[in-house]
Amino acid sequence: MTVQSALHIQICGPLVVERDGLRLDHGLPGRQGRLLFTYLVINRHRLVPRDELVEALWRSPDPAGIDARLNPLISKLRHVFGSDAVDGRVTVQLHLPGAWIDLEAAVEAIHRAESAVAQHDWTRAWGPVLVALFVAERGFLPGEDADWIDQTRKQLAEIRLRALECYAAAELGVGGDEVAGAVRAGRRLIALDPLRESGHRYLMQALAAQDNLAEALAVYVQLSDLLREQLGVSPSPTTRALYQQLLGRT
């Protein structure tokens, strides 16, 4: 008896579905088929009402045409992945046991990275950090527009920021030549989310570790000006404490 290998599913960046080196995504029925498959992958741990699927796939769904629109797509998914892969009678659910899915891998990886950082196990953080970053930086369904797509993009953006925070912390923890990586990560954090104070703090710490106190203190001044102009607030107590600590070294 031949046992099939698990699927490898990439939904971030270009859609790729592979089993034993064979691309299955080419068999999906056009744009709607790819969107349907991606939506079911994201929601694979619950039963999805058929009318919800229609709203996710079409801007102006016709309640009377739900079956006519969905049934051919579901039938095609069964043809590609097997008759047991899609339950679509009343609700719809994708059954792909053992599948590796990049978005799920990124979520799991960022938790492992943050756990390693919390334990100051810097080298153990690197592997999962890179997994999370690699997935999150690929983007999600470029050119498509829907609420569920925006929600997934926001999830990936947050994973990317958290991964950069872990990367900066790990590089600082290791020290030495790796501090340069913390400087780069801090600058990327600031560029991606200027109002997120963690990027400024990591950059301040990294610059100070390179004995560049003047620039580290300048980062705080820039943050203070930005927060005052944009939000009318001052930096958090944690950031102010770091500033005072660095100021005491001058």
C-alpha atoms as a PDB file:
ATOM      1  CA  MET A   1       0.000   0.000   0.000  1.00  0.00           C
ATOM      2  CA  THR A   2       1.410   3.400  -1.000  1.00  0.00           C
ATOM      3  CA  VAL A   3       1.223   6.125   1.625  1.00  0.00           C
ATOM      4  CA  GLN A   4       0.936   9.647   0.238  1.00  0.00           C
ATOM      5  CA  SER A   5       3.257  12.311   1.584  1.00  0.00           C
ATOM      6  CA  ALA A   6       1.775  15.309   3.335  1.00  0.00           C
ATOM      7  CA  LEU A   7       1.022  18.425   1.350  1.00  0.00           C
ATOM      8  CA  HIS A   8       3.296  21.459   1.467  1.00  0.00           C
ATOM      9  CA  ILE A   9       1.092  24.555   1.155  1.00  0.00           C
ATOM     10  CA  GLN A  10       2.355  28.103   0.643  1.00  0.00           C
ATOM     11  CA  ILE A  11      -0.397  30.736   0.746  1.00  0.00           C
ATOM     12  CA  CYS A  12       1.886  33.704   1.459  1.00  0.00           C
ATOM     13  CA  GLY A  13       3.447  35.044  -1.695  1.00  0.00           C
ATOM     14  CA  PRO A  14       2.674  32.967  -4.804  1.00  0.00           C
ATOM     15  CA  LEU A  15       0.276  30.118  -4.068  1.00  0.00           C
ATOM     16  CA  VAL A  16       2.151  26.816  -4.142  1.00  0.00           C
ATOM     17  CA  VAL A  17       0.725  23.394  -3.268  1.00  0.00           C
ATOM     18  CA  GLU A  18       3.112  20.470  -3.587  1.00  0.00           C
ATOM     19  CA  ARG A  19       3.125  16.761  -2.852  1.00  0.00           C
ATOM     20  CA  ASP A  20       6.235  14.705  -3.604  1.00  0.00           C
ATOM     21  CA  GLY A  21       7.516  17.484  -5.856  1.00  0.00           C
ATOM     22  CA  LEU A  22       4.318  17.607  -7.886  1.00  0.00           C
ATOM     23  CA  ARG A  23       2.551  20.972  -8.139  1.00  0.00           C
ATOM     24  CA  LEU A  24      -1.166  20.613  -7.435  1.00  0.00           C
ATOM     25  CA  ASP A  25      -2.076  24.306  -7.411  1.00  0.00           C
ATOM     26  CA  HIS A  26      -2.036  24.363 -11.221  1.00  0.00           C
ATOM     27  CA  GLY A  27      -5.184  22.263 -11.109  1.00  0.00           C
ATOM     28  CA  LEU A  28      -7.157  24.872  -9.145  1.00  0.00           C
ATOM     29  CA  PRO A  29      -9.994  26.448 -11.150  1.00  0.00           C
ATOM     30  CA  GLY A  30      -8.806  29.979 -11.905  1.00  0.00           C
ATOM     31  CA  ARG A  31      -8.848  33.008  -9.615  1.00  0.00           C
ATOM     32  CA  GLN A  32     -11.976  32.017  -7.691  1.00  0.00           C
ATOM     33  CA  GLY A  33     -10.642  28.531  -7.184  1.00  0.00           C
ATOM     34  CA  ARG A  34      -7.396  29.853  -5.724  1.00  0.00           C
ATOM     35  CA  LEU A  35      -9.264  32.273  -3.455  1.00  0.00           C
ATOM     36  CA  LEU A  36     -11.631  29.540  -2.299  1.00  0.00           C
ATOM     37  CA  PHE A  37      -8.765  27.181  -1.541  1.00  0.00           C
ATOM     38  CA  THR A  38      -6.842  29.884   0.341  1.00  0.00           C
ATOM     39  CA  TYR A  39      -9.894  30.896   2.388  1.00  0.00           C
ATOM     40  CA  LEU A  40     -10.565  27.262   3.303  1.00  0.00           C
ATOM     41  CA  VAL A  41      -6.915  26.756   4.266  1.00  0.00           C
ATOM     42  CA  ILE A  42      -7.029  29.746   6.617  1.00  0.00           C
ATOM     43  CA  ASN A  43     -10.304  28.512   8.132  1.00  0.00           C
ATOM     44  CA  ARG A  44      -9.583  24.795   7.930  1.00  0.00           C
ATOM     45  CA  HIS A  45     -10.247  24.141  11.618  1.00  0.00           C
ATOM     46  CA  ARG A  46     -13.899  25.156  11.460  1.00  0.00           C
ATOM     47  CA  LEU A  47     -17.047  24.593   9.405  1.00  0.00           C
ATOM     48  CA  VAL A  48     -17.579  27.504   7.018  1.00  0.00           C
ATOM     49  CA  PRO A  49     -21.145  28.409   5.965  1.00  0.00           C
ATOM     50  CA  ARG A  50     -21.593  28.391   2.214  1.00  0.00           C
ATOM     51  CA  ASP A  51     -22.988  31.944   2.136  1.00  0.00           C
ATOM     52  CA  GLU A  52     -19.875  33.135   3.990  1.00  0.00           C
ATOM     53  CA  LEU A  53     -17.719  31.645   1.271  1.00  0.00           C
ATOM     54  CA  VAL A  54     -19.688  33.394  -1.444  1.00  0.00           C
ATOM     55  CA  GLU A  55     -19.280  36.739   0.341  1.00  0.00           C
ATOM     56  CA  ALA A  56     -15.545  36.098   0.675  1.00  0.00           C
ATOM     57  CA  LEU A  57     -15.145  35.364  -3.026  1.00  0.00           C
ATOM     58  CA  TRP A  58     -17.565  37.735  -4.743  1.00  0.00           C
ATOM     59  CA  ARG A  59     -18.198  41.425  -4.085  1.00  0.00           C
ATOM     60  CA  SER A  60     -21.921  41.253  -4.935  1.00  0.00           C
ATOM     61  CA  PRO A  61     -23.082  37.765  -3.949  1.00  0.00           C
ATOM     62  CA  ASP A  62     -26.443  36.551  -5.220  1.00  0.00           C
ATOM     63  CA  PRO A  63     -28.134  34.461  -2.477  1.00  0.00           C
ATOM     64  CA  ALA A  64     -30.096  32.585  -5.111  1.00  0.00           C
ATOM     65  CA  GLY A  65     -26.910  31.605  -6.934  1.00  0.00           C
ATOM     66  CA  ILE A  66     -24.833  30.244  -4.072  1.00  0.00           C
ATOM     67  CA  ASP A  67     -24.970  26.627  -5.181  1.00  0.00           C
ATOM     68  CA  ALA A  68     -24.443  27.469  -8.829  1.00  0.00           C
ATOM     69  CA  ARG A  69     -21.302  29.424  -7.999  1.00  0.00           C
ATOM     70  CA  LEU A  70     -19.792  27.184  -5.333  1.00  0.00           C
ATOM     71  CA  ASN A  71     -20.586  23.658  -6.457  1.00  0.00           C
ATOM     72  CA  PRO A  72     -18.353  23.633  -9.567  1.00  0.00           C
ATOM     73  CA  LEU A  73     -15.431  25.046  -7.540  1.00  0.00           C
ATOM     74  CA  ILE A  74     -15.886  22.526  -4.723  1.00  0.00           C
ATOM     75  CA  SER A  75     -16.145  19.729  -7.254  1.00  0.00           C
ATOM     76  CA  LYS A  76     -12.845  20.816  -8.789  1.00  0.00           C
ATOM     77  CA  LEU A  77     -11.153  20.909  -5.368  1.00  0.00           C
ATOM     78  CA  ARG A  78     -12.287  17.336  -4.757  1.00  0.00           C
ATOM     79  CA  HIS A  79     -10.874  16.365  -8.139  1.00  0.00           C
ATOM     80  CA  VAL A  80      -7.485  17.899  -7.287  1.00  0.00           C
ATOM     81  CA  PHE A  81      -7.148  16.823  -3.634  1.00  0.00           C
ATOM     82  CA  GLY A  82      -9.412  13.784  -3.362  1.00  0.00           C
ATOM     83  CA  SER A  83     -13.077  13.127  -2.707  1.00  0.00           C
ATOM     84  CA  ASP A  84     -12.603  13.221   1.071  1.00  0.00           C
ATOM     85  CA  ALA A  85     -10.696  16.519   1.068  1.00  0.00           C
ATOM     86  CA  VAL A  86     -13.723  18.819   0.971  1.00  0.00           C
ATOM     87  CA  ASP A  87     -16.948  18.428   2.917  1.00  0.00           C
ATOM     88  CA  GLY A  88     -19.380  20.796   1.227  1.00  0.00           C
ATOM     89  CA  ARG A  89     -22.929  19.716   1.760  1.00  0.00           C
ATOM     90  CA  VAL A  90     -24.313  22.231   4.294  1.00  0.00           C
ATOM     91  CA  THR A  91     -21.098  23.862   5.417  1.00  0.00           C
ATOM     92  CA  VAL A  92     -17.685  23.596   3.812  1.00  0.00           C
ATOM     93  CA  GLN A  93     -14.472  22.406   5.411  1.00  0.00           C
ATOM     94  CA  LEU A  94     -11.104  21.402   4.024  1.00  0.00           C
ATOM     95  CA  HIS A  95      -9.631  18.130   5.292  1.00  0.00           C
ATOM     96  CA  LEU A  96      -5.913  17.911   4.603  1.00  0.00           C
ATOM     97  CA  PRO A  97      -4.450  16.055   7.607  1.00  0.00           C
ATOM     98  CA  GLY A  98      -0.746  16.509   8.155  1.00  0.00           C
ATOM     99  CA  ALA A  99      -0.428  19.382   5.709  1.00  0.00           C
ATOM    100  CA  TRP A 100       2.382  21.878   6.298  1.00  0.00           C
ATOM    101  CA  ILE A 101       1.043  25.421   5.850  1.00  0.00           C
ATOM    102  CA  ASP A 102       3.398  28.394   5.813  1.00  0.00           C
ATOM    103  CA  LEU A 103       1.110  30.798   7.693  1.00  0.00           C
ATOM    104  CA  GLU A 104       0.584  28.283  10.494  1.00  0.00           C
ATOM    105  CA  ALA A 105       4.330  27.602  10.560  1.00  0.00           C
ATOM    106  CA  ALA A 106       5.019  31.329  10.941  1.00  0.00           C
ATOM    107  CA  VAL A 107       2.563  31.655  13.837  1.00  0.00           C
ATOM    108  CA  GLU A 108       4.133  28.676  15.603  1.00  0.00           C
ATOM    109  CA  ALA A 109       7.648  29.934  14.862  1.00  0.00           C
ATOM    110  CA  ILE A 110       7.126  33.396  16.330  1.00  0.00           C
ATOM    111  CA  HIS A 111       5.851  31.865  19.565  1.00  0.00           C
ATOM    112  CA  ARG A 112       8.956  29.673  19.766  1.00  0.00           C
ATOM    113  CA  ALA A 113      11.204  32.646  19.035  1.00  0.00           C
ATOM    114  CA  GLU A 114       9.584  34.805  21.714  1.00  0.00           C
ATOM    115  CA  SER A 115       9.860  31.951  24.208  1.00  0.00           C
ATOM    116  CA  ALA A 116      13.572  31.577  23.471  1.00  0.00           C
ATOM    117  CA  VAL A 117      14.141  35.320  23.841  1.00  0.00           C
ATOM    118  CA  ALA A 118      12.263  35.362  27.148  1.00  0.00           C
ATOM    119  CA  GLN A 119      14.642  32.653  28.371  1.00  0.00           C
ATOM    120  CA  HIS A 120      17.673  34.519  26.987  1.00  0.00           C
ATOM    121  CA  ASP A 121      18.426  31.527  24.780  1.00  0.00           C
ATOM    122  CA  TRP A 122      19.600  33.718  21.926  1.00  0.00           C
ATOM    123  CA  THR A 123      20.887  31.085  19.515  1.00  0.00           C
ATOM    124  CA  ARG A 124      17.691  29.016  19.825  1.00  0.00           C
ATOM    125  CA  ALA A 125      15.680  32.067  18.748  1.00  0.00           C
ATOM    126  CA  TRP A 126      17.393  32.491  15.380  1.00  0.00           C
ATOM    127  CA  GLY A 127      15.885  29.537  13.521  1.00  0.00           C
ATOM    128  CA  PRO A 128      12.212  30.282  14.248  1.00  0.00           C
ATOM    129  CA  VAL A 129      12.801  34.020  13.776  1.00  0.00           C
ATOM    130  CA  LEU A 130      14.016  33.415  10.238  1.00  0.00           C
ATOM    131  CA  VAL A 131      11.040  31.151   9.471  1.00  0.00           C
ATOM    132  CA  ALA A 132       8.595  33.808  10.682  1.00  0.00           C
ATOM    133  CA  LEU A 133      10.361  36.585   8.786  1.00  0.00           C
ATOM    134  CA  PHE A 134      10.636  34.608   5.561  1.00  0.00           C
ATOM    135  CA  VAL A 135       6.917  33.866   5.513  1.00  0.00           C
ATOM    136  CA  ALA A 136       5.705  37.266   6.717  1.00  0.00           C
ATOM    137  CA  GLU A 137       7.770  39.233   4.210  1.00  0.00           C
ATOM    138  CA  ARG A 138       6.292  37.412   1.206  1.00  0.00           C
ATOM    139  CA  GLY A 139       2.972  39.246   1.483  1.00  0.00           C
ATOM    140  CA  PHE A 140      -0.494  37.851   0.857  1.00  0.00           C
ATOM    141  CA  LEU A 141      -2.669  37.754  -2.261  1.00  0.00           C
ATOM    142  CA  PRO A 142      -1.281  40.871  -3.973  1.00  0.00           C
ATOM    143  CA  GLY A 143      -3.852  42.653  -6.101  1.00  0.00           C
ATOM    144  CA  GLU A 144      -6.808  41.183  -4.219  1.00  0.00           C
ATOM    145  CA  ASP A 145      -9.089  43.193  -1.938  1.00  0.00           C
ATOM    146  CA  ALA A 146     -11.417  41.824   0.748  1.00  0.00           C
ATOM    147  CA  ASP A 147     -11.833  42.162   4.511  1.00  0.00           C
ATOM    148  CA  TRP A 148     -10.497  38.667   5.213  1.00  0.00           C
ATOM    149  CA  ILE A 149      -7.469  39.365   3.029  1.00  0.00           C
ATOM    150  CA  ASP A 150      -6.767  42.611   4.910  1.00  0.00           C
ATOM    151  CA  GLN A 151      -7.032  40.757   8.224  1.00  0.00           C
ATOM    152  CA  THR A 152      -4.472  38.187   7.117  1.00  0.00           C
ATOM    153  CA  ARG A 153      -2.151  40.925   5.870  1.00  0.00           C
ATOM    154  CA  LYS A 154      -2.388  42.639   9.267  1.00  0.00           C
ATOM    155  CA  GLN A 155      -1.609  39.328  10.963  1.00  0.00           C
ATOM    156  CA  LEU A 156       1.476  38.886   8.786  1.00  0.00           C
ATOM    157  CA  ALA A 157       2.577  42.477   9.399  1.00  0.00           C
ATOM    158  CA  GLU A 158       2.387  41.899  13.151  1.00  0.00           C
ATOM    159  CA  ILE A 159       4.319  38.634  12.871  1.00  0.00           C
ATOM    160  CA  ARG A 160       6.984  40.477  10.893  1.00  0.00           C
ATOM    161  CA  LEU A 161       7.339  43.162  13.553  1.00  0.00           C
ATOM    162  CA  ARG A 162       7.484  40.619  16.372  1.00  0.00           C
ATOM    163  CA  ALA A 163      10.092  38.611  14.472  1.00  0.00           C
ATOM    164  CA  LEU A 164      12.242  41.691  13.980  1.00  0.00           C
ATOM    165  CA  GLU A 165      11.972  42.432  17.698  1.00  0.00           C
ATOM    166  CA  CYS A 166      13.128  38.893  18.502  1.00  0.00           C
ATOM    167  CA  TYR A 167      15.930  39.158  15.970  1.00  0.00           C
ATOM    168  CA  ALA A 168      17.156  42.427  17.456  1.00  0.00           C
ATOM    169  CA  ALA A 169      17.000  41.007  20.974  1.00  0.00           C
ATOM    170  CA  ALA A 170      18.926  37.888  19.949  1.00  0.00           C
ATOM    171  CA  GLU A 171      21.618  39.880  18.142  1.00  0.00           C
ATOM    172  CA  LEU A 172      22.041  42.141  21.162  1.00  0.00           C
ATOM    173  CA  GLY A 173      22.126  39.122  23.459  1.00  0.00           C
ATOM    174  CA  VAL A 174      24.917  37.472  21.491  1.00  0.00           C
ATOM    175  CA  GLY A 175      26.815  40.756  21.192  1.00  0.00           C
ATOM    176  CA  GLY A 176      30.075  41.307  19.386  1.00  0.00           C
ATOM    177  CA  ASP A 177      29.803  41.576  15.623  1.00  0.00           C
ATOM    178  CA  GLU A 178      26.149  40.513  15.797  1.00  0.00           C
ATOM    179  CA  VAL A 179      25.177  43.914  17.221  1.00  0.00           C
ATOM    180  CA  ALA A 180      25.235  45.267  13.671  1.00  0.00           C
ATOM    181  CA  GLY A 181      22.273  42.999  12.966  1.00  0.00           C
ATOM    182  CA  ALA A 182      20.396  44.570  15.869  1.00  0.00           C
ATOM    183  CA  VAL A 183      21.050  48.010  14.399  1.00  0.00           C
ATOM    184  CA  ARG A 184      19.586  46.908  11.068  1.00  0.00           C
ATOM    185  CA  ALA A 185      16.595  45.274  12.741  1.00  0.00           C
ATOM    186  CA  GLY A 186      15.922  48.390  14.810  1.00  0.00           C
ATOM    187  CA  ARG A 187      15.977  50.595  11.723  1.00  0.00           C
ATOM    188  CA  ARG A 188      13.635  48.221   9.875  1.00  0.00           C
ATOM    189  CA  LEU A 189      11.222  48.239  12.804  1.00  0.00           C
ATOM    190  CA  ILE A 190      11.167  52.025  12.822  1.00  0.00           C
ATOM    191  CA  ALA A 191      10.643  52.181   9.064  1.00  0.00           C
ATOM    192  CA  LEU A 192       7.755  49.705   9.211  1.00  0.00           C
ATOM    193  CA  ASP A 193       6.037  51.186  12.279  1.00  0.00           C
ATOM    194  CA  PRO A 194       7.511  54.523  13.371  1.00  0.00           C
ATOM    195  CA  LEU A 195       5.205  54.799  16.398  1.00  0.00           C
ATOM    196  CA  ARG A 196       6.151  51.381  17.795  1.00  0.00           C
ATOM    197  CA  GLU A 197       8.656  52.237  20.493  1.00  0.00           C
ATOM    198  CA  SER A 198      10.394  48.852  20.573  1.00  0.00           C
ATOM    199  CA  GLY A 199      12.262  49.595  17.358  1.00  0.00           C
ATOM    200  CA  HIS A 200      13.612  52.827  18.778  1.00  0.00           C
ATOM    201  CA  ARG A 201      14.669  51.095  21.985  1.00  0.00           C
ATOM    202  CA  TYR A 202      16.478  48.289  20.178  1.00  0.00           C
ATOM    203  CA  LEU A 203      18.221  50.788  17.946  1.00  0.00           C
ATOM    204  CA  MET A 204      19.250  52.878  20.960  1.00  0.00           C
ATOM    205  CA  GLN A 205      20.646  49.807  22.722  1.00  0.00           C
ATOM    206  CA  ALA A 206      22.465  48.582  19.639  1.00  0.00           C
ATOM    207  CA  LEU A 207      24.036  51.947  18.880  1.00  0.00           C
ATOM    208  CA  ALA A 208      25.108  52.271  22.503  1.00  0.00           C
ATOM    209  CA  ALA A 209      26.644  48.786  22.325  1.00  0.00           C
ATOM    210  CA  GLN A 210      28.691  50.092  19.400  1.00  0.00           C
ATOM    211  CA  ASP A 211      29.796  53.031  21.600  1.00  0.00           C
ATOM    212  CA  ASN A 212      27.742  55.414  19.500  1.00  0.00           C
ATOM    213  CA  LEU A 213      25.972  57.120  22.403  1.00  0.00           C
ATOM    214  CA  ALA A 214      25.376  60.384  20.604  1.00  0.00           C
ATOM    215  CA  GLU A 215      23.334  58.733  17.861  1.00  0.00           C
ATOM    216  CA  ALA A 216      21.548  56.520  20.400  1.00  0.00           C
ATOM    217  CA  LEU A 217      20.402  59.593  22.317  1.00  0.00           C
ATOM    218  CA  ALA A 218      19.409  61.292  19.061  1.00  0.00           C
ATOM    219  CA  VAL A 219      17.088  58.356  18.321  1.00  0.00           C
ATOM    220  CA  TYR A 220      15.240  59.112  21.558  1.00  0.00           C
ATOM    221  CA  VAL A 221      14.904  62.786  20.686  1.00  0.00           C
ATOM    222  CA  GLN A 222      13.503  61.895  17.269  1.00  0.00           C
ATOM    223  CA  LEU A 223      11.018  59.501  18.855  1.00  0.00           C
ATOM    224  CA  SER A 224       9.931  62.114  21.381  1.00  0.00           C
ATOM    225  CA  ASP A 225       9.314  64.663  18.644  1.00  0.00           C
ATOM    226  CA  LEU A 226       7.379  62.132  16.561  1.00  0.00           C
ATOM    227  CA  LEU A 227       5.130  61.017  19.425  1.00  0.00           C
ATOM    228  CA  ARG A 228       4.417  64.597  20.436  1.00  0.00           C
ATOM    229  CA  GLU A 229       3.545  65.629  16.873  1.00  0.00           C
ATOM    230  CA  GLN A 230       1.521  62.527  15.953  1.00  0.00           C
ATOM    231  CA  LEU A 231      -0.127  61.520  19.228  1.00  0.00           C
ATOM    232  CA  GLY A 232       0.482  64.332  21.691  1.00  0.00           C
ATOM    233  CA  VAL A 233       2.222  61.968  24.142  1.00  0.00           C
ATOM    234  CA  SER A 234       5.691  61.315  25.524  1.00  0.00           C
ATOM    235  CA  PRO A 235       7.705  58.089  25.245  1.00  0.00           C
ATOM    236  CA  SER A 236       6.724  55.290  27.611  1.00  0.00           C
ATOM    237  CA  PRO A 237       8.386  54.916  31.040  1.00  0.00           C
ATOM    238  CA  THR A 238      10.430  51.981  29.699  1.00  0.00           C
ATOM    239  CA  THR A 239      11.831  54.077  26.858  1.00  0.00           C
ATOM    240  CA  ARG A 240      12.466  57.059  29.132  1.00  0.00           C
ATOM    241  CA  ALA A 241      14.311  54.812  31.595  1.00  0.00           C
ATOM    242  CA  LEU A 242      16.568  53.552  28.806  1.00  0.00           C
ATOM    243  CA  TYR A 243      17.261  57.121  27.748  1.00  0.00           C
ATOM    244  CA  GLN A 244      18.208  58.111  31.290  1.00  0.00           C
ATOM    245  CA  GLN A 245      20.449  55.070  31.568  1.00  0.00           C
ATOM    246  CA  LEU A 246      22.272  55.972  28.371  1.00  0.00           C
ATOM    247  CA  LEU A 247      22.432  59.625  29.335  1.00  0.00           C
ATOM    248  CA  GLY A 248      24.230  58.607  32.517  1.00  0.00           C
ATOM    249  CA  ARG A 249      26.979  57.024  30.420  1.00  0.00           C
ATOM    250  CA  THR A 250      27.887  60.251  28.648  1.00  0.00           C
END
